[in-house]
Protein backbone atom coordinates (compact mmCIF):
# COMPACT_ATOMS: atom_id res chain seq x y z
CA UNK A 1 -9.39 16.88 -0.29
CA UNK A 2 -8.03 13.83 1.42
CA UNK A 3 -4.72 13.47 2.85
CA UNK A 4 -2.85 10.23 3.33
CA UNK A 5 0.37 9.98 5.32
CA UNK A 6 2.62 6.89 5.01
CA UNK A 7 5.10 5.72 7.70
CA UNK A 8 7.23 2.48 8.40
CA UNK A 9 9.68 2.55 5.65
CA UNK A 10 13.33 1.89 6.23
CA UNK A 11 16.43 -0.21 5.55
CA UNK A 12 16.00 -3.93 6.07
CA UNK A 13 18.10 -6.91 5.07
CA UNK A 14 16.74 -9.53 2.84
CA UNK A 15 14.58 -12.00 4.56
CA UNK A 16 13.47 -9.38 6.87
CA UNK A 17 10.05 -7.95 7.59
CA UNK A 18 8.53 -4.19 7.60
CA UNK A 19 5.22 -2.78 8.29
CA UNK A 20 3.87 0.29 6.44
CA UNK A 21 1.00 2.43 7.66
CA UNK A 22 -1.15 4.87 6.11
CA UNK A 23 -3.23 7.31 7.93
CA UNK A 24 -6.19 8.92 6.24
CA UNK A 25 -8.15 12.09 6.84
CA UNK A 26 -11.11 10.82 5.21
CA UNK A 27 -14.04 11.23 7.53
CA UNK A 28 -15.92 8.28 5.81
CA UNK A 29 -12.88 6.12 5.70
CA UNK A 30 -14.85 2.77 5.72
CA UNK A 31 -16.41 3.64 2.45
CA UNK A 32 -12.81 3.90 0.82
CA UNK A 33 -11.10 1.40 -1.31
CA UNK A 34 -7.56 1.65 -0.36
CA UNK A 35 -4.41 0.63 -2.56
CA UNK A 36 -0.50 0.19 -2.15
CA UNK A 37 1.67 0.84 -4.85
CA UNK A 38 5.51 1.27 -5.35
CA UNK A 39 7.92 2.61 -7.59
CA UNK A 40 11.50 1.71 -7.94
CA UNK A 41 14.24 3.95 -9.47
CA UNK A 42 13.83 4.18 -13.24
CA UNK A 43 10.60 1.79 -13.34
CA UNK A 44 7.12 2.93 -13.50
CA UNK A 45 4.71 2.74 -10.30
CA UNK A 46 3.12 -0.46 -10.06
CA UNK A 47 0.27 -1.95 -7.90
CA UNK A 48 1.20 -3.67 -4.95
CA UNK A 49 -2.17 -4.42 -3.02
CA UNK A 50 -6.03 -3.42 -2.58
CA UNK A 51 -8.22 -3.64 0.15
CA UNK A 52 -11.84 -3.11 -0.48
CA UNK A 53 -14.89 -2.12 1.93
CA UNK A 54 -16.10 -5.77 2.56
CA UNK A 55 -14.40 -8.33 4.38
CA UNK A 56 -12.13 -10.53 1.84
CA UNK A 57 -12.25 -7.88 -0.70
CA UNK A 58 -8.50 -7.96 -1.13
CA UNK A 59 -6.31 -8.23 -4.30
CA UNK A 60 -2.30 -8.51 -4.49
CA UNK A 61 0.40 -8.37 -7.12
CA UNK A 62 1.57 -11.71 -7.98
CA UNK A 63 4.82 -10.53 -7.18
CA UNK A 64 3.90 -9.95 -3.34
CA UNK A 65 1.36 -12.91 -2.98
CA UNK A 66 2.08 -15.02 0.05
CA UNK A 67 4.82 -12.22 1.49
CA UNK A 68 2.67 -9.28 1.68
CA UNK A 69 -0.50 -8.42 3.69
CA UNK A 70 -2.80 -5.69 3.51
CA UNK A 71 -5.32 -4.86 6.01
CA UNK A 72 -7.28 -1.70 7.38
CA UNK A 73 -8.80 -0.35 10.90
CA UNK A 74 -11.59 1.73 10.06
CA UNK A 75 -12.03 3.00 13.36
CA UNK A 76 -8.42 4.47 13.25
CA UNK A 77 -8.80 5.60 9.65
CA UNK A 78 -5.38 3.37 8.95
CA UNK A 79 -4.35 0.84 6.43
CA UNK A 80 -1.34 -1.30 6.68
CA UNK A 81 0.82 -3.32 4.73
CA UNK A 82 2.65 -6.17 6.30
CA UNK A 83 5.87 -7.23 4.25
CA UNK A 84 7.42 -10.27 5.06
CA UNK A 85 10.22 -12.25 3.29
CA UNK A 86 11.47 -9.10 1.84
CA UNK A 87 13.87 -9.26 -1.42
CA UNK A 88 15.88 -6.81 -2.93
CA UNK A 89 13.79 -6.22 -5.70
CA UNK A 90 11.17 -5.02 -3.32
CA UNK A 91 13.27 -1.82 -2.73
CA UNK A 92 11.08 1.12 -4.05
CA UNK A 93 9.15 3.90 -2.59
CA UNK A 94 5.81 2.70 -1.36
CA UNK A 95 2.71 5.07 -1.74
CA UNK A 96 -0.94 4.24 -0.47
CA UNK A 97 -3.75 5.62 -2.43
CA UNK A 98 -7.59 5.96 -1.92
CA UNK A 99 -10.25 5.16 -4.74
CA UNK A 100 -14.01 5.68 -4.89
CA UNK A 101 -14.77 4.67 -8.50
CA UNK A 102 -13.94 2.42 -11.20
CA UNK A 103 -13.24 3.67 -14.38
CA UNK A 104 -12.89 1.39 -17.49
CA UNK A 105 -12.92 -1.69 -15.48
CA UNK A 106 -10.10 -0.62 -13.16
CA UNK A 107 -10.13 1.35 -10.06
CA UNK A 108 -9.30 5.15 -10.34
CA UNK A 109 -7.16 6.34 -7.40
CA UNK A 110 -7.80 9.90 -6.59
CA UNK A 111 -5.47 10.49 -3.63
CA UNK A 112 -2.17 9.69 -3.03
CA UNK A 113 0.30 9.98 -0.07
CA UNK A 114 3.81 11.33 -0.33
CA UNK A 115 5.51 7.92 -0.19
CA UNK A 116 7.76 6.14 2.23
CA UNK A 117 11.20 4.68 1.12
CA UNK A 118 11.83 1.00 1.56
CA UNK A 119 15.09 -0.49 0.84
CA UNK A 120 16.17 -4.33 1.20
CA UNK A 121 19.88 -4.93 1.24
CA UNK A 122 21.14 -8.38 0.19
């Protein structure tokens, strides 16, 4: 069982920045593909970003490209999401997740954190 714990959420004004962190208990963290997702009230959970095992293996949702940056520190078992130029529509609970496999052409995330709230005021 892998435990993921997010932190760094909060209230910020539009145009501001936040940095989310996710601590993993996985002993072989460097072999884990990590993702960030978010869920706004009344909406389905959506993909935000993914960072793979190899340098440069990164994906972003179109809605956050150019504003968000995902990174990882394998020696600390940490993954980060730097969020700049935040907009009210970025308001959501943000989750980190871990995956080790592809199912039907998509990464299948097996472990999820409890989430951290991000609220962007206009």
